[in-house]
Structure formats: structure tokens, C-alpha cells
Amino acid sequence: MKGHQCHHCKQWIEEGEVHDCWTTTEDALTRDLPDDLREAWERLRETAVEFGEQRIYASHHSIMFARGACYFFVRPKQKYLEICIFLGRALKKSQVRTVMPASRSKFANLVRVIHRDQVEPPITEWLAEAYAFAGRPPAKAVRRRAARKSSKRA
């Protein structure tokens, strides 16, 4: 039998068989969530929709919220929702578990939510800030000139 193994999901795919393991939906990612997490997810999505025009789509294990580029995404887990918020600054708050540089001008701030009541300020304010930040034109790169050392020899 001719075919190949998918390098993403490791499933054997017969020749001519249709396979797209990357295709998923919001419903598929949130279907099996416990009630507390499902309510938190619904409140999070409703909050984001109120910000304005954007694209919301599922990608692999995450649900992405994007204007031109993704400004935050949610990874639904069995015990929590992992939210990654892209801001122009690192957040130093107790709710933020990890901060990583995402680019020269963005930081990925990771937050965990386990209950609907957590989807309120300051998290909703950070999401609104990320939405606004994603709508700004990209900042021009600042060129830094290397300090030249003049070596004068006598």
C-alpha cells in the first residue's frame, strides 16, 4: 500500500486519501470543557467581540483573535484556559504567569483562567489594550549607531 505518515499527527495516510489534521473549529476545541471553563470561554469571547471588527478562528490547539495580526489567543486545557496576550509591554502582575518577548516590539503575556469571574478587569483591560495595540501601524525601526572608538596612537 502506498501512502505516507503525517508529520503532524503521525497518522498513516493512504495514497489519494484526504487528510487535514490542522483543520479544527472553536466548537471542537471547547466541546469537552467543564462547565466553569466553558462559561469563562463564552465570557472571554463575548468580551473580545465587543472590541470591534476582527477575525476569530481556530488553529491547531488554539483559538486566535486577530485584527491584522493575532492580538491574543486562547488554548483550552482541561483544567484552565491559557490566554496569550500580545502587548507592547511586559505585564508585572500576579495574574501573569509568564512573559516572553514575541518580537522587537511585542511581549507575549500568559494568563490562566479557571472561572468566569476572572474574565474582568484587569484581564479585560489588557485584552482591549492588545486590540488597540494590534490596530496601530508598525513602529519604525530605530537604528542605533554603534559608538565608534577612536584609537589614537602616538
N, C-alpha and C. Protein backbone atom coordinates (compact mmCIF):
# COMPACT_ATOMS: atom_id res chain seq x y z
N MET A 1 0.83 -1.18 0.00
CA MET A 1 0.00 0.00 0.00
C MET A 1 0.87 1.25 0.00
N LYS A 2 0.54 2.18 -0.87
CA LYS A 2 1.28 3.42 -0.93
C LYS A 2 0.61 4.45 -0.02
N GLY A 3 1.42 5.29 0.54
CA GLY A 3 0.91 6.34 1.41
C GLY A 3 2.07 6.98 2.15
N HIS A 4 1.73 7.72 3.19
CA HIS A 4 2.76 8.36 3.99
C HIS A 4 2.23 8.63 5.40
N GLN A 5 3.15 8.89 6.31
CA GLN A 5 2.77 9.24 7.67
C GLN A 5 2.76 10.76 7.81
N CYS A 6 1.65 11.30 8.33
CA CYS A 6 1.54 12.74 8.55
C CYS A 6 2.58 13.16 9.60
N HIS A 7 3.38 14.15 9.28
CA HIS A 7 4.41 14.57 10.23
C HIS A 7 3.84 15.37 11.40
N HIS A 8 2.57 15.76 11.34
CA HIS A 8 1.94 16.49 12.45
C HIS A 8 1.29 15.53 13.44
N CYS A 9 0.38 14.70 12.94
CA CYS A 9 -0.40 13.84 13.85
C CYS A 9 0.08 12.40 13.87
N LYS A 10 1.05 12.05 13.01
CA LYS A 10 1.65 10.72 12.92
C LYS A 10 0.68 9.65 12.42
N GLN A 11 -0.45 10.05 11.87
CA GLN A 11 -1.43 9.12 11.33
C GLN A 11 -0.97 8.67 9.94
N TRP A 12 -1.22 7.39 9.59
CA TRP A 12 -0.88 6.88 8.27
C TRP A 12 -1.96 7.32 7.28
N ILE A 13 -1.56 7.92 6.19
CA ILE A 13 -2.47 8.44 5.18
C ILE A 13 -2.29 7.64 3.90
N GLU A 14 -3.33 6.97 3.46
CA GLU A 14 -3.27 6.19 2.22
C GLU A 14 -3.18 7.14 1.03
N GLU A 15 -2.58 6.68 -0.04
CA GLU A 15 -2.45 7.50 -1.23
C GLU A 15 -3.83 7.88 -1.76
N GLY A 16 -4.03 9.17 -2.02
CA GLY A 16 -5.31 9.67 -2.53
C GLY A 16 -6.31 10.02 -1.43
N GLU A 17 -6.02 9.64 -0.18
CA GLU A 17 -6.94 9.94 0.93
C GLU A 17 -6.80 11.40 1.34
N VAL A 18 -7.94 12.06 1.59
CA VAL A 18 -7.94 13.45 2.03
C VAL A 18 -7.60 13.49 3.51
N HIS A 19 -6.65 14.35 3.87
CA HIS A 19 -6.24 14.46 5.27
C HIS A 19 -5.83 15.90 5.57
N ASP A 20 -6.42 16.46 6.60
CA ASP A 20 -6.05 17.80 7.03
C ASP A 20 -6.18 17.85 8.55
N CYS A 21 -5.14 17.43 9.24
CA CYS A 21 -5.21 17.37 10.70
C CYS A 21 -5.16 18.75 11.35
N TRP A 22 -4.84 19.79 10.57
CA TRP A 22 -4.78 21.14 11.11
C TRP A 22 -6.14 21.80 11.14
N THR A 23 -7.10 21.25 10.42
CA THR A 23 -8.43 21.84 10.40
C THR A 23 -9.15 21.51 11.70
N THR A 24 -9.59 22.54 12.37
CA THR A 24 -10.35 22.35 13.60
C THR A 24 -11.32 23.52 13.73
N THR A 25 -12.16 23.46 14.73
CA THR A 25 -13.15 24.52 14.94
C THR A 25 -13.14 24.94 16.41
N GLU A 26 -13.73 26.10 16.66
CA GLU A 26 -13.89 26.55 18.05
C GLU A 26 -14.67 25.51 18.84
N ASP A 27 -15.75 25.02 18.24
CA ASP A 27 -16.59 24.05 18.93
C ASP A 27 -15.81 22.79 19.29
N ALA A 28 -14.98 22.31 18.37
CA ALA A 28 -14.20 21.11 18.65
C ALA A 28 -13.23 21.33 19.80
N LEU A 29 -12.66 22.52 19.89
CA LEU A 29 -11.70 22.81 20.95
C LEU A 29 -12.35 23.06 22.30
N THR A 30 -13.61 23.49 22.31
CA THR A 30 -14.28 23.84 23.57
C THR A 30 -15.37 22.86 23.98
N ARG A 31 -15.69 21.92 23.13
CA ARG A 31 -16.81 20.99 23.36
C ARG A 31 -16.72 20.24 24.68
N ASP A 32 -15.54 19.76 25.04
CA ASP A 32 -15.41 18.91 26.22
C ASP A 32 -14.95 19.65 27.48
N LEU A 33 -15.03 20.97 27.45
CA LEU A 33 -14.61 21.74 28.63
C LEU A 33 -15.60 21.57 29.77
N PRO A 34 -15.11 21.55 31.01
CA PRO A 34 -16.02 21.55 32.16
C PRO A 34 -16.86 22.84 32.15
N ASP A 35 -17.98 22.83 32.83
CA ASP A 35 -18.91 23.97 32.82
C ASP A 35 -18.26 25.30 33.19
N ASP A 36 -17.43 25.32 34.26
CA ASP A 36 -16.78 26.57 34.67
C ASP A 36 -15.91 27.14 33.55
N LEU A 37 -15.17 26.28 32.89
CA LEU A 37 -14.29 26.74 31.82
C LEU A 37 -15.08 27.15 30.58
N ARG A 38 -16.16 26.43 30.30
CA ARG A 38 -16.98 26.80 29.15
C ARG A 38 -17.60 28.19 29.36
N GLU A 39 -18.07 28.46 30.56
CA GLU A 39 -18.64 29.78 30.87
C GLU A 39 -17.56 30.86 30.78
N ALA A 40 -16.36 30.56 31.26
CA ALA A 40 -15.25 31.52 31.17
C ALA A 40 -14.92 31.76 29.70
N TRP A 41 -14.89 30.70 28.89
CA TRP A 41 -14.61 30.84 27.46
C TRP A 41 -15.66 31.73 26.78
N GLU A 42 -16.94 31.47 27.07
CA GLU A 42 -18.01 32.25 26.45
C GLU A 42 -17.91 33.73 26.83
N ARG A 43 -17.61 34.00 28.08
CA ARG A 43 -17.47 35.40 28.53
C ARG A 43 -16.25 36.06 27.87
N LEU A 44 -15.17 35.31 27.75
CA LEU A 44 -13.96 35.82 27.10
C LEU A 44 -14.23 36.16 25.64
N ARG A 45 -14.93 35.28 24.94
CA ARG A 45 -15.23 35.51 23.53
C ARG A 45 -16.18 36.70 23.36
N GLU A 46 -17.21 36.77 24.22
CA GLU A 46 -18.15 37.90 24.16
C GLU A 46 -17.43 39.23 24.39
N THR A 47 -16.51 39.24 25.34
CA THR A 47 -15.74 40.46 25.63
C THR A 47 -14.94 40.88 24.41
N ALA A 48 -14.26 39.94 23.78
CA ALA A 48 -13.43 40.24 22.61
C ALA A 48 -14.27 40.73 21.44
N VAL A 49 -15.43 40.15 21.22
CA VAL A 49 -16.29 40.54 20.10
C VAL A 49 -16.72 42.01 20.24
N GLU A 50 -16.90 42.47 21.47
CA GLU A 50 -17.32 43.85 21.71
C GLU A 50 -16.27 44.89 21.32
N PHE A 51 -15.01 44.47 21.17
CA PHE A 51 -13.95 45.42 20.81
C PHE A 51 -14.12 45.97 19.40
N GLY A 52 -14.68 45.20 18.51
CA GLY A 52 -14.84 45.66 17.13
C GLY A 52 -14.51 44.59 16.12
N GLU A 53 -14.27 45.04 14.90
CA GLU A 53 -14.04 44.12 13.79
C GLU A 53 -12.73 43.35 13.99
N GLN A 54 -12.82 42.05 13.78
CA GLN A 54 -11.67 41.17 13.94
C GLN A 54 -11.98 39.81 13.34
N ARG A 55 -10.98 38.99 13.27
CA ARG A 55 -11.15 37.63 12.78
C ARG A 55 -10.91 36.68 13.94
N ILE A 56 -11.86 35.76 14.15
CA ILE A 56 -11.74 34.76 15.21
C ILE A 56 -11.75 33.40 14.52
N TYR A 57 -10.70 32.62 14.77
CA TYR A 57 -10.60 31.33 14.08
C TYR A 57 -9.80 30.35 14.93
N ALA A 58 -10.05 29.08 14.69
CA ALA A 58 -9.33 28.02 15.39
C ALA A 58 -8.12 27.63 14.56
N SER A 59 -7.03 27.39 15.23
CA SER A 59 -5.81 26.96 14.57
C SER A 59 -5.10 25.96 15.47
N HIS A 60 -5.04 24.73 15.02
CA HIS A 60 -4.41 23.63 15.75
C HIS A 60 -5.04 23.48 17.14
N HIS A 61 -4.37 23.89 18.22
CA HIS A 61 -4.92 23.73 19.58
C HIS A 61 -5.35 25.06 20.19
N SER A 62 -5.43 26.10 19.38
CA SER A 62 -5.73 27.44 19.90
C SER A 62 -6.86 28.10 19.14
N ILE A 63 -7.46 29.09 19.78
CA ILE A 63 -8.45 29.93 19.13
C ILE A 63 -7.85 31.33 19.08
N MET A 64 -7.69 31.83 17.86
CA MET A 64 -6.98 33.07 17.61
C MET A 64 -7.95 34.24 17.45
N PHE A 65 -7.53 35.41 17.95
CA PHE A 65 -8.29 36.65 17.80
C PHE A 65 -7.34 37.62 17.12
N ALA A 66 -7.72 38.08 15.93
CA ALA A 66 -6.78 38.88 15.15
C ALA A 66 -7.45 40.07 14.50
N ARG A 67 -6.69 41.14 14.42
CA ARG A 67 -7.05 42.27 13.56
C ARG A 67 -6.24 42.04 12.30
N GLY A 68 -5.13 42.71 12.11
CA GLY A 68 -4.22 42.36 11.02
C GLY A 68 -3.42 41.14 11.41
N ALA A 69 -2.92 41.18 12.64
CA ALA A 69 -2.17 40.07 13.21
C ALA A 69 -2.88 39.66 14.50
N CYS A 70 -2.53 38.50 15.00
CA CYS A 70 -3.14 37.99 16.23
C CYS A 70 -2.79 38.90 17.40
N TYR A 71 -3.81 39.32 18.16
CA TYR A 71 -3.53 40.14 19.34
C TYR A 71 -3.70 39.35 20.64
N PHE A 72 -4.41 38.23 20.58
CA PHE A 72 -4.39 37.27 21.68
C PHE A 72 -4.94 35.95 21.18
N PHE A 73 -4.59 34.88 21.90
CA PHE A 73 -5.17 33.59 21.59
C PHE A 73 -5.43 32.83 22.88
N VAL A 74 -6.30 31.83 22.77
CA VAL A 74 -6.70 31.01 23.91
C VAL A 74 -6.40 29.56 23.59
N ARG A 75 -5.74 28.89 24.52
CA ARG A 75 -5.53 27.44 24.41
C ARG A 75 -6.41 26.79 25.48
N PRO A 76 -7.50 26.16 25.08
CA PRO A 76 -8.34 25.49 26.06
C PRO A 76 -7.66 24.21 26.57
N LYS A 77 -7.53 24.09 27.87
CA LYS A 77 -6.99 22.89 28.52
C LYS A 77 -8.12 22.31 29.37
N GLN A 78 -7.92 21.15 29.94
CA GLN A 78 -8.96 20.52 30.76
C GLN A 78 -9.15 21.22 32.10
N LYS A 79 -8.09 21.85 32.63
CA LYS A 79 -8.19 22.47 33.96
C LYS A 79 -8.15 23.99 33.93
N TYR A 80 -7.83 24.59 32.78
CA TYR A 80 -7.76 26.04 32.69
C TYR A 80 -7.76 26.47 31.23
N LEU A 81 -7.97 27.77 31.03
CA LEU A 81 -7.81 28.38 29.71
C LEU A 81 -6.51 29.15 29.77
N GLU A 82 -5.61 28.86 28.85
CA GLU A 82 -4.36 29.60 28.78
C GLU A 82 -4.54 30.71 27.76
N ILE A 83 -4.36 31.95 28.21
CA ILE A 83 -4.55 33.11 27.34
C ILE A 83 -3.19 33.75 27.11
N CYS A 84 -2.87 33.98 25.86
CA CYS A 84 -1.63 34.65 25.50
C CYS A 84 -2.00 36.00 24.90
N ILE A 85 -1.62 37.08 25.60
CA ILE A 85 -1.98 38.45 25.22
C ILE A 85 -0.73 39.15 24.70
N PHE A 86 -0.80 39.66 23.47
CA PHE A 86 0.34 40.35 22.87
C PHE A 86 0.22 41.86 23.11
N LEU A 87 1.15 42.39 23.87
CA LEU A 87 1.17 43.81 24.21
C LEU A 87 2.54 44.41 23.90
N GLY A 88 2.59 45.71 23.90
CA GLY A 88 3.85 46.40 23.68
C GLY A 88 4.66 46.54 24.96
N ARG A 89 4.24 45.86 25.99
CA ARG A 89 4.94 45.91 27.28
C ARG A 89 4.78 44.59 28.01
N ALA A 90 5.69 44.32 28.90
CA ALA A 90 5.60 43.14 29.76
C ALA A 90 4.75 43.50 30.97
N LEU A 91 3.79 42.65 31.27
CA LEU A 91 2.93 42.87 32.44
C LEU A 91 3.59 42.26 33.67
N LYS A 92 3.60 43.00 34.75
CA LYS A 92 4.18 42.52 36.00
C LYS A 92 3.07 42.48 37.05
N LYS A 93 2.15 41.56 36.86
CA LYS A 93 1.00 41.41 37.76
C LYS A 93 0.90 39.96 38.20
N SER A 94 0.21 39.73 39.29
CA SER A 94 0.11 38.38 39.85
C SER A 94 -0.62 37.41 38.92
N GLN A 95 -1.54 37.91 38.09
CA GLN A 95 -2.28 37.03 37.18
C GLN A 95 -1.42 36.52 36.03
N VAL A 96 -0.34 37.21 35.73
CA VAL A 96 0.52 36.86 34.60
C VAL A 96 1.54 35.82 35.05
N ARG A 97 1.47 34.65 34.44
CA ARG A 97 2.35 33.55 34.82
C ARG A 97 3.71 33.63 34.15
N THR A 98 3.73 34.04 32.88
CA THR A 98 4.98 34.10 32.11
C THR A 98 4.92 35.25 31.14
N VAL A 99 6.06 35.87 30.91
CA VAL A 99 6.19 36.91 29.89
C VAL A 99 7.38 36.54 29.01
N MET A 100 7.15 36.57 27.70
CA MET A 100 8.21 36.25 26.74
C MET A 100 8.23 37.31 25.65
N PRO A 101 9.40 37.68 25.18
CA PRO A 101 9.42 38.59 24.03
C PRO A 101 8.89 37.85 22.80
N ALA A 102 7.97 38.47 22.08
CA ALA A 102 7.40 37.85 20.88
C ALA A 102 8.04 38.44 19.63
N SER A 103 8.53 39.65 19.72
CA SER A 103 9.22 40.32 18.62
C SER A 103 9.97 41.50 19.23
N ARG A 104 10.49 42.37 18.39
CA ARG A 104 11.19 43.55 18.92
C ARG A 104 10.26 44.49 19.66
N SER A 105 8.98 44.49 19.27
CA SER A 105 8.06 45.45 19.86
C SER A 105 6.91 44.83 20.65
N LYS A 106 6.86 43.49 20.73
CA LYS A 106 5.74 42.83 21.42
C LYS A 106 6.22 41.85 22.47
N PHE A 107 5.39 41.73 23.50
CA PHE A 107 5.60 40.74 24.55
C PHE A 107 4.39 39.83 24.61
N ALA A 108 4.62 38.54 24.79
CA ALA A 108 3.56 37.56 24.99
C ALA A 108 3.38 37.38 26.49
N ASN A 109 2.22 37.79 27.00
CA ASN A 109 1.90 37.70 28.42
C ASN A 109 0.92 36.55 28.61
N LEU A 110 1.32 35.50 29.35
CA LEU A 110 0.48 34.32 29.54
C LEU A 110 -0.29 34.40 30.85
N VAL A 111 -1.60 34.18 30.74
CA VAL A 111 -2.51 34.24 31.88
C VAL A 111 -3.34 32.97 31.88
N ARG A 112 -3.62 32.43 33.06
CA ARG A 112 -4.50 31.27 33.18
C ARG A 112 -5.82 31.70 33.80
N VAL A 113 -6.91 31.20 33.22
CA VAL A 113 -8.25 31.49 33.74
C VAL A 113 -8.91 30.16 34.05
N ILE A 114 -9.51 30.05 35.25
CA ILE A 114 -10.19 28.82 35.62
C ILE A 114 -11.68 29.02 35.92
N HIS A 115 -12.11 30.30 35.93
CA HIS A 115 -13.51 30.57 36.26
C HIS A 115 -13.98 31.83 35.55
N ARG A 116 -15.27 31.89 35.27
CA ARG A 116 -15.88 33.03 34.57
C ARG A 116 -15.61 34.36 35.27
N ASP A 117 -15.59 34.36 36.59
CA ASP A 117 -15.41 35.60 37.35
C ASP A 117 -14.03 36.22 37.16
N GLN A 118 -13.08 35.46 36.62
CA GLN A 118 -11.75 36.01 36.36
C GLN A 118 -11.72 36.85 35.08
N VAL A 119 -12.72 36.69 34.24
CA VAL A 119 -12.77 37.45 32.98
C VAL A 119 -13.39 38.80 33.27
N GLU A 120 -12.62 39.65 33.90
CA GLU A 120 -12.99 41.00 34.30
C GLU A 120 -11.71 41.80 34.40
N PRO A 121 -11.80 43.12 34.67
CA PRO A 121 -10.56 43.88 34.81
C PRO A 121 -9.67 43.23 35.88
N PRO A 122 -8.38 43.19 35.69
CA PRO A 122 -7.58 43.84 34.66
C PRO A 122 -7.44 43.03 33.37
N ILE A 123 -7.86 41.76 33.36
CA ILE A 123 -7.67 40.94 32.15
C ILE A 123 -8.41 41.54 30.96
N THR A 124 -9.64 41.97 31.13
CA THR A 124 -10.39 42.55 30.00
C THR A 124 -9.75 43.86 29.53
N GLU A 125 -9.16 44.61 30.45
CA GLU A 125 -8.45 45.84 30.06
C GLU A 125 -7.21 45.52 29.24
N TRP A 126 -6.50 44.45 29.61
CA TRP A 126 -5.32 44.05 28.84
C TRP A 126 -5.71 43.60 27.44
N LEU A 127 -6.85 42.90 27.34
CA LEU A 127 -7.32 42.46 26.02
C LEU A 127 -7.67 43.67 25.16
N ALA A 128 -8.34 44.65 25.75
CA ALA A 128 -8.69 45.87 25.00
C ALA A 128 -7.43 46.61 24.58
N GLU A 129 -6.45 46.66 25.45
CA GLU A 129 -5.17 47.31 25.11
C GLU A 129 -4.48 46.56 23.97
N ALA A 130 -4.52 45.24 24.00
CA ALA A 130 -3.90 44.43 22.94
C ALA A 130 -4.62 44.65 21.62
N TYR A 131 -5.95 44.77 21.66
CA TYR A 131 -6.74 45.04 20.45
C TYR A 131 -6.32 46.39 19.85
N ALA A 132 -6.20 47.40 20.69
CA ALA A 132 -5.78 48.73 20.22
C ALA A 132 -4.34 48.69 19.71
N PHE A 133 -3.47 47.98 20.41
CA PHE A 133 -2.07 47.87 20.02
C PHE A 133 -1.94 47.20 18.66
N ALA A 134 -2.76 46.19 18.40
CA ALA A 134 -2.71 45.48 17.12
C ALA A 134 -3.21 46.35 15.98
N GLY A 135 -3.98 47.38 16.27
CA GLY A 135 -4.51 48.26 15.24
C GLY A 135 -3.59 49.40 14.87
N ARG A 136 -2.52 49.60 15.63
CA ARG A 136 -1.58 50.68 15.33
C ARG A 136 -0.67 50.29 14.18
N PRO A 137 -0.23 51.28 13.41
CA PRO A 137 0.75 50.96 12.37
C PRO A 137 2.06 50.53 13.03
N PRO A 138 2.81 49.68 12.37
CA PRO A 138 4.06 49.21 12.98
C PRO A 138 5.03 50.38 13.22
N ALA A 139 5.70 50.30 14.33
CA ALA A 139 6.67 51.35 14.66
C ALA A 139 7.88 51.23 13.74
N LYS A 140 8.43 52.36 13.40
CA LYS A 140 9.62 52.34 12.56
C LYS A 140 10.79 51.84 13.40
N ALA A 141 11.61 51.07 12.77
CA ALA A 141 12.78 50.54 13.47
C ALA A 141 13.74 51.68 13.78
N VAL A 142 14.22 51.67 14.97
CA VAL A 142 15.17 52.68 15.39
C VAL A 142 16.57 52.13 15.16
N ARG A 143 17.33 52.84 14.39
CA ARG A 143 18.69 52.40 14.13
C ARG A 143 19.60 52.98 15.19
N ARG A 144 20.32 52.11 15.78
CA ARG A 144 21.27 52.55 16.80
C ARG A 144 22.66 52.49 16.20
N ARG A 145 23.31 53.59 16.30
CA ARG A 145 24.67 53.64 15.77
C ARG A 145 25.62 53.12 16.83
N ALA A 146 26.48 52.29 16.38
CA ALA A 146 27.48 51.76 17.30
C ALA A 146 28.46 52.88 17.64
N ALA A 147 28.76 52.99 18.89
CA ALA A 147 29.72 54.00 19.31
C ALA A 147 31.08 53.61 18.78
N ARG A 148 31.64 54.52 18.03
CA ARG A 148 32.95 54.23 17.45
C ARG A 148 34.03 54.69 18.41
N LYS A 149 34.91 53.81 18.60
CA LYS A 149 36.03 54.15 19.47
C LYS A 149 37.16 54.64 18.57
N SER A 150 37.59 55.80 18.86
CA SER A 150 38.70 56.31 18.07
C SER A 150 39.98 55.95 18.79
N SER A 151 40.78 55.28 18.09
CA SER A 151 42.05 54.88 18.69
C SER A 151 43.15 55.76 18.13
N LYS A 152 43.63 56.58 18.96
CA LYS A 152 44.70 57.47 18.54
C LYS A 152 46.00 56.91 19.09
N ARG A 153 46.86 56.70 18.18
CA ARG A 153 48.17 56.19 18.61
C ARG A 153 49.19 57.30 18.49
N ALA A 154 49.98 57.39 19.47
CA ALA A 154 51.01 58.43 19.45
C ALA A 154 52.25 57.99 18.75
